[in-house]
Structures are given as structure tokens and as C-alpha cells.
Amino acid sequence: MNKRKYIRIIDKSVIVEAVQFNGSNGWEIERWTKGTVFESPILNPSIRNLIGEYLQIKTIEGYNTAIVGDLVVRGEDGKFYLCNCEMFFKIFERL
């Protein structure tokens, strides 16, 4: 698994660790997050995700999903988040 550190572009005060989901590294991500983020057992291919590989994380609002290309982020607080690739790289840059 290819974990990398990123820094927030605007003020450089936030450093996170992130992994990009490639469709075949879900089990590694699940192990890294100690099961917080897991491969989806129930979702099917869609127009946005033709291969049908998803990650999920349970939040207080329900379940969030990530598709291939999205990132799993461990924040400074140690919590894990899912982030759309385009949004992530507008906010963070690689250290």
C-alpha cells in the first residue's frame, strides 16, 4: 500500500496521511484503518463507477462511499475520512 503524507495548501498547518483507492487495494486499506473503512459487499457498478468497486465508512450521518480514484485520509485527529480525488488535490499537496 502506498501511504503518503500531504500538507494543506493554504496555510500549511495540517498534515494528513492518505492512500488512493485503486480498486484492488481495499483489503490493505481495511487493514490500515482497522476495519473503519471497508470494501463494500453490496454495491453494484454504476455510471460513475463502471467496475463496481467501492469502499465504505460508517459515519453518524450513515454510510459514505468511495470509488476508485478517491482517497482514504487519516486526519491529524487519527480519524479516517473518504475524499473525492478532485477535491482532495485542490486542498492538499504531497509533502
N, C-alpha and C. Protein backbone atom coordinates (compact mmCIF):
# COMPACT_ATOMS: atom_id res chain seq x y z
N MET A 1 0.86 -1.17 0.00
CA MET A 1 0.00 0.00 0.00
C MET A 1 0.90 1.23 0.00
N ASN A 2 0.48 2.23 -0.71
CA ASN A 2 1.30 3.40 -0.93
C ASN A 2 0.76 4.61 -0.15
N LYS A 3 1.00 4.63 1.18
CA LYS A 3 0.57 5.76 2.01
C LYS A 3 1.52 6.92 1.76
N ARG A 4 0.96 8.11 1.69
CA ARG A 4 1.78 9.31 1.50
C ARG A 4 1.29 10.40 2.43
N LYS A 5 2.19 11.31 2.73
CA LYS A 5 1.83 12.46 3.56
C LYS A 5 1.55 13.65 2.65
N TYR A 6 0.54 14.42 3.05
CA TYR A 6 0.12 15.60 2.30
C TYR A 6 -0.03 16.76 3.27
N ILE A 7 0.17 17.96 2.75
CA ILE A 7 0.04 19.17 3.56
C ILE A 7 -1.02 20.07 2.93
N ARG A 8 -1.78 20.74 3.77
CA ARG A 8 -2.82 21.64 3.27
C ARG A 8 -2.16 22.80 2.55
N ILE A 9 -2.63 23.11 1.37
CA ILE A 9 -2.02 24.12 0.51
C ILE A 9 -2.11 25.52 1.09
N ILE A 10 -3.25 25.89 1.63
CA ILE A 10 -3.48 27.28 2.02
C ILE A 10 -2.61 27.73 3.18
N ASP A 11 -2.64 27.02 4.31
CA ASP A 11 -1.92 27.53 5.47
C ASP A 11 -0.80 26.62 5.98
N LYS A 12 -0.61 25.49 5.37
CA LYS A 12 0.49 24.57 5.69
C LYS A 12 0.48 24.08 7.13
N SER A 13 -0.63 24.24 7.85
CA SER A 13 -0.66 23.84 9.25
C SER A 13 -1.20 22.42 9.46
N VAL A 14 -1.77 21.82 8.42
CA VAL A 14 -2.38 20.50 8.56
C VAL A 14 -1.64 19.50 7.68
N ILE A 15 -1.18 18.42 8.31
CA ILE A 15 -0.54 17.33 7.58
C ILE A 15 -1.38 16.08 7.80
N VAL A 16 -1.72 15.40 6.71
CA VAL A 16 -2.51 14.18 6.77
C VAL A 16 -1.76 13.06 6.05
N GLU A 17 -2.21 11.85 6.28
CA GLU A 17 -1.70 10.68 5.58
C GLU A 17 -2.85 10.16 4.74
N ALA A 18 -2.59 9.78 3.49
CA ALA A 18 -3.67 9.35 2.61
C ALA A 18 -3.22 8.23 1.68
N VAL A 19 -4.20 7.44 1.26
CA VAL A 19 -4.00 6.36 0.30
C VAL A 19 -5.08 6.49 -0.76
N GLN A 20 -4.69 6.38 -2.02
CA GLN A 20 -5.67 6.42 -3.10
C GLN A 20 -6.18 5.01 -3.36
N PHE A 21 -7.50 4.86 -3.41
CA PHE A 21 -8.14 3.57 -3.68
C PHE A 21 -8.00 3.26 -5.16
N ASN A 22 -7.40 2.10 -5.47
CA ASN A 22 -7.18 1.74 -6.87
C ASN A 22 -8.05 0.58 -7.34
N GLY A 23 -8.98 0.13 -6.50
CA GLY A 23 -9.87 -0.96 -6.87
C GLY A 23 -9.39 -2.32 -6.44
N SER A 24 -8.09 -2.44 -6.17
CA SER A 24 -7.57 -3.74 -5.72
C SER A 24 -6.85 -3.65 -4.38
N ASN A 25 -6.77 -2.48 -3.79
CA ASN A 25 -6.08 -2.32 -2.50
C ASN A 25 -7.04 -2.14 -1.33
N GLY A 26 -8.30 -2.50 -1.53
CA GLY A 26 -9.30 -2.34 -0.47
C GLY A 26 -8.97 -3.11 0.79
N TRP A 27 -8.47 -4.34 0.64
CA TRP A 27 -8.15 -5.14 1.83
C TRP A 27 -6.99 -4.52 2.61
N GLU A 28 -6.03 -3.89 1.90
CA GLU A 28 -4.93 -3.22 2.59
C GLU A 28 -5.43 -1.98 3.34
N ILE A 29 -6.33 -1.26 2.70
CA ILE A 29 -6.92 -0.08 3.35
C ILE A 29 -7.72 -0.51 4.57
N GLU A 30 -8.48 -1.59 4.44
CA GLU A 30 -9.27 -2.08 5.56
C GLU A 30 -8.35 -2.45 6.73
N ARG A 31 -7.23 -3.08 6.44
CA ARG A 31 -6.26 -3.45 7.48
C ARG A 31 -5.64 -2.19 8.11
N TRP A 32 -5.25 -1.21 7.27
CA TRP A 32 -4.65 0.03 7.76
C TRP A 32 -5.59 0.79 8.69
N THR A 33 -6.88 0.80 8.33
CA THR A 33 -7.87 1.55 9.12
C THR A 33 -8.49 0.71 10.23
N LYS A 34 -7.99 -0.51 10.40
CA LYS A 34 -8.51 -1.45 11.41
C LYS A 34 -10.01 -1.65 11.26
N GLY A 35 -10.45 -1.76 10.01
CA GLY A 35 -11.84 -2.04 9.71
C GLY A 35 -12.77 -0.84 9.67
N THR A 36 -12.25 0.34 9.95
CA THR A 36 -13.09 1.54 9.89
C THR A 36 -13.58 1.79 8.48
N VAL A 37 -12.69 1.63 7.51
CA VAL A 37 -13.04 1.71 6.09
C VAL A 37 -13.00 0.29 5.56
N PHE A 38 -14.03 -0.11 4.83
CA PHE A 38 -14.11 -1.49 4.38
C PHE A 38 -14.65 -1.57 2.95
N GLU A 39 -14.32 -2.67 2.29
CA GLU A 39 -14.82 -2.89 0.94
C GLU A 39 -16.31 -3.14 1.02
N SER A 40 -17.05 -2.56 0.10
CA SER A 40 -18.50 -2.69 0.11
C SER A 40 -18.91 -4.07 -0.38
N PRO A 41 -19.72 -4.74 0.40
CA PRO A 41 -20.19 -6.06 -0.03
C PRO A 41 -21.46 -6.01 -0.88
N ILE A 42 -22.09 -4.83 -1.03
CA ILE A 42 -23.42 -4.82 -1.63
C ILE A 42 -23.64 -3.91 -2.82
N LEU A 43 -22.74 -3.00 -3.09
CA LEU A 43 -22.97 -2.04 -4.16
C LEU A 43 -22.62 -2.63 -5.52
N ASN A 44 -23.26 -2.14 -6.56
CA ASN A 44 -23.08 -2.64 -7.92
C ASN A 44 -22.47 -1.57 -8.80
N PRO A 45 -21.99 -1.97 -9.99
CA PRO A 45 -21.48 -0.97 -10.93
C PRO A 45 -22.51 0.12 -11.21
N SER A 46 -22.02 1.31 -11.52
CA SER A 46 -22.90 2.43 -11.85
C SER A 46 -22.24 3.24 -12.95
N ILE A 47 -22.90 4.28 -13.41
CA ILE A 47 -22.33 5.14 -14.45
C ILE A 47 -21.05 5.80 -13.94
N ARG A 48 -21.02 6.18 -12.66
CA ARG A 48 -19.83 6.81 -12.08
C ARG A 48 -18.73 5.81 -11.77
N ASN A 49 -19.10 4.55 -11.58
CA ASN A 49 -18.13 3.53 -11.15
C ASN A 49 -18.41 2.24 -11.92
N LEU A 50 -17.90 2.16 -13.12
CA LEU A 50 -18.20 1.04 -14.02
C LEU A 50 -17.71 -0.31 -13.50
N ILE A 51 -16.63 -0.33 -12.72
CA ILE A 51 -16.13 -1.62 -12.24
C ILE A 51 -16.83 -2.08 -10.97
N GLY A 52 -17.56 -1.20 -10.32
CA GLY A 52 -18.36 -1.60 -9.15
C GLY A 52 -17.55 -1.84 -7.88
N GLU A 53 -16.34 -1.33 -7.80
CA GLU A 53 -15.54 -1.47 -6.58
C GLU A 53 -15.74 -0.22 -5.72
N TYR A 54 -16.13 -0.42 -4.49
CA TYR A 54 -16.41 0.68 -3.58
C TYR A 54 -15.77 0.44 -2.23
N LEU A 55 -15.49 1.50 -1.52
CA LEU A 55 -15.15 1.45 -0.11
C LEU A 55 -16.28 2.14 0.64
N GLN A 56 -16.47 1.77 1.89
CA GLN A 56 -17.47 2.42 2.72
C GLN A 56 -16.88 2.74 4.09
N ILE A 57 -17.45 3.77 4.70
CA ILE A 57 -17.13 4.12 6.08
C ILE A 57 -18.44 4.52 6.75
N LYS A 58 -18.63 4.05 7.96
CA LYS A 58 -19.84 4.40 8.70
C LYS A 58 -19.60 5.70 9.44
N THR A 59 -20.51 6.65 9.27
CA THR A 59 -20.44 7.93 9.96
C THR A 59 -21.71 8.12 10.77
N ILE A 60 -21.78 9.19 11.53
CA ILE A 60 -23.00 9.43 12.30
C ILE A 60 -24.18 9.77 11.39
N GLU A 61 -23.89 10.20 10.16
CA GLU A 61 -24.95 10.51 9.19
C GLU A 61 -25.38 9.28 8.39
N GLY A 62 -24.66 8.18 8.49
CA GLY A 62 -24.93 6.99 7.69
C GLY A 62 -23.64 6.49 7.07
N TYR A 63 -23.74 5.86 5.91
CA TYR A 63 -22.55 5.34 5.24
C TYR A 63 -22.12 6.27 4.12
N ASN A 64 -20.82 6.54 4.05
CA ASN A 64 -20.23 7.26 2.92
C ASN A 64 -19.50 6.25 2.06
N THR A 65 -19.45 6.50 0.76
CA THR A 65 -18.77 5.58 -0.14
C THR A 65 -17.67 6.30 -0.90
N ALA A 66 -16.70 5.51 -1.33
CA ALA A 66 -15.62 5.99 -2.17
C ALA A 66 -15.51 5.06 -3.37
N ILE A 67 -15.16 5.64 -4.51
CA ILE A 67 -14.95 4.84 -5.71
C ILE A 67 -13.46 4.87 -6.06
N VAL A 68 -13.10 4.07 -7.04
CA VAL A 68 -11.71 4.02 -7.49
C VAL A 68 -11.25 5.44 -7.83
N GLY A 69 -10.07 5.80 -7.33
CA GLY A 69 -9.51 7.14 -7.52
C GLY A 69 -9.67 8.03 -6.31
N ASP A 70 -10.69 7.76 -5.48
CA ASP A 70 -10.89 8.54 -4.27
C ASP A 70 -9.81 8.19 -3.24
N LEU A 71 -9.70 9.02 -2.21
CA LEU A 71 -8.66 8.81 -1.21
C LEU A 71 -9.24 8.52 0.15
N VAL A 72 -8.52 7.70 0.90
CA VAL A 72 -8.80 7.46 2.31
C VAL A 72 -7.78 8.29 3.07
N VAL A 73 -8.26 9.15 3.94
CA VAL A 73 -7.41 10.12 4.62
C VAL A 73 -7.45 9.88 6.12
N ARG A 74 -6.26 9.84 6.74
CA ARG A 74 -6.20 9.83 8.20
C ARG A 74 -5.81 11.23 8.63
N GLY A 75 -6.74 11.89 9.30
CA GLY A 75 -6.52 13.26 9.74
C GLY A 75 -5.58 13.33 10.93
N GLU A 76 -5.26 14.55 11.32
CA GLU A 76 -4.38 14.76 12.47
C GLU A 76 -4.99 14.21 13.76
N ASP A 77 -6.32 14.09 13.78
CA ASP A 77 -7.01 13.56 14.95
C ASP A 77 -7.02 12.04 14.97
N GLY A 78 -6.44 11.39 13.93
CA GLY A 78 -6.39 9.94 13.86
C GLY A 78 -7.62 9.31 13.24
N LYS A 79 -8.63 10.12 12.96
CA LYS A 79 -9.86 9.60 12.35
C LYS A 79 -9.68 9.48 10.84
N PHE A 80 -10.46 8.57 10.25
CA PHE A 80 -10.39 8.33 8.82
C PHE A 80 -11.57 8.97 8.10
N TYR A 81 -11.28 9.44 6.90
CA TYR A 81 -12.27 10.12 6.06
C TYR A 81 -12.11 9.63 4.63
N LEU A 82 -13.19 9.70 3.87
CA LEU A 82 -13.14 9.43 2.43
C LEU A 82 -13.23 10.76 1.72
N CYS A 83 -12.43 10.93 0.66
CA CYS A 83 -12.42 12.21 -0.03
C CYS A 83 -12.32 12.00 -1.53
N ASN A 84 -13.15 12.70 -2.26
CA ASN A 84 -13.10 12.71 -3.71
C ASN A 84 -11.73 13.19 -4.17
N CYS A 85 -11.19 12.54 -5.19
CA CYS A 85 -9.85 12.84 -5.69
C CYS A 85 -9.70 14.31 -6.09
N GLU A 86 -10.62 14.84 -6.88
CA GLU A 86 -10.51 16.22 -7.34
C GLU A 86 -10.51 17.20 -6.17
N MET A 87 -11.39 16.98 -5.23
CA MET A 87 -11.49 17.86 -4.06
C MET A 87 -10.22 17.78 -3.22
N PHE A 88 -9.72 16.56 -2.99
CA PHE A 88 -8.53 16.38 -2.17
C PHE A 88 -7.35 17.17 -2.72
N PHE A 89 -7.10 17.04 -4.03
CA PHE A 89 -5.93 17.69 -4.60
C PHE A 89 -6.11 19.20 -4.82
N LYS A 90 -7.30 19.73 -4.58
CA LYS A 90 -7.47 21.18 -4.54
C LYS A 90 -7.08 21.72 -3.16
N ILE A 91 -7.12 20.85 -2.16
CA ILE A 91 -6.86 21.27 -0.78
C ILE A 91 -5.46 20.88 -0.31
N PHE A 92 -4.95 19.73 -0.75
CA PHE A 92 -3.68 19.22 -0.27
C PHE A 92 -2.68 19.02 -1.40
N GLU A 93 -1.39 19.08 -1.03
CA GLU A 93 -0.31 18.74 -1.94
C GLU A 93 0.63 17.78 -1.24
N ARG A 94 1.33 16.98 -2.02
CA ARG A 94 2.23 15.98 -1.47
C ARG A 94 3.42 16.64 -0.78
N LEU A 95 3.79 16.09 0.36
CA LEU A 95 4.99 16.57 1.08
C LEU A 95 6.24 16.04 0.40
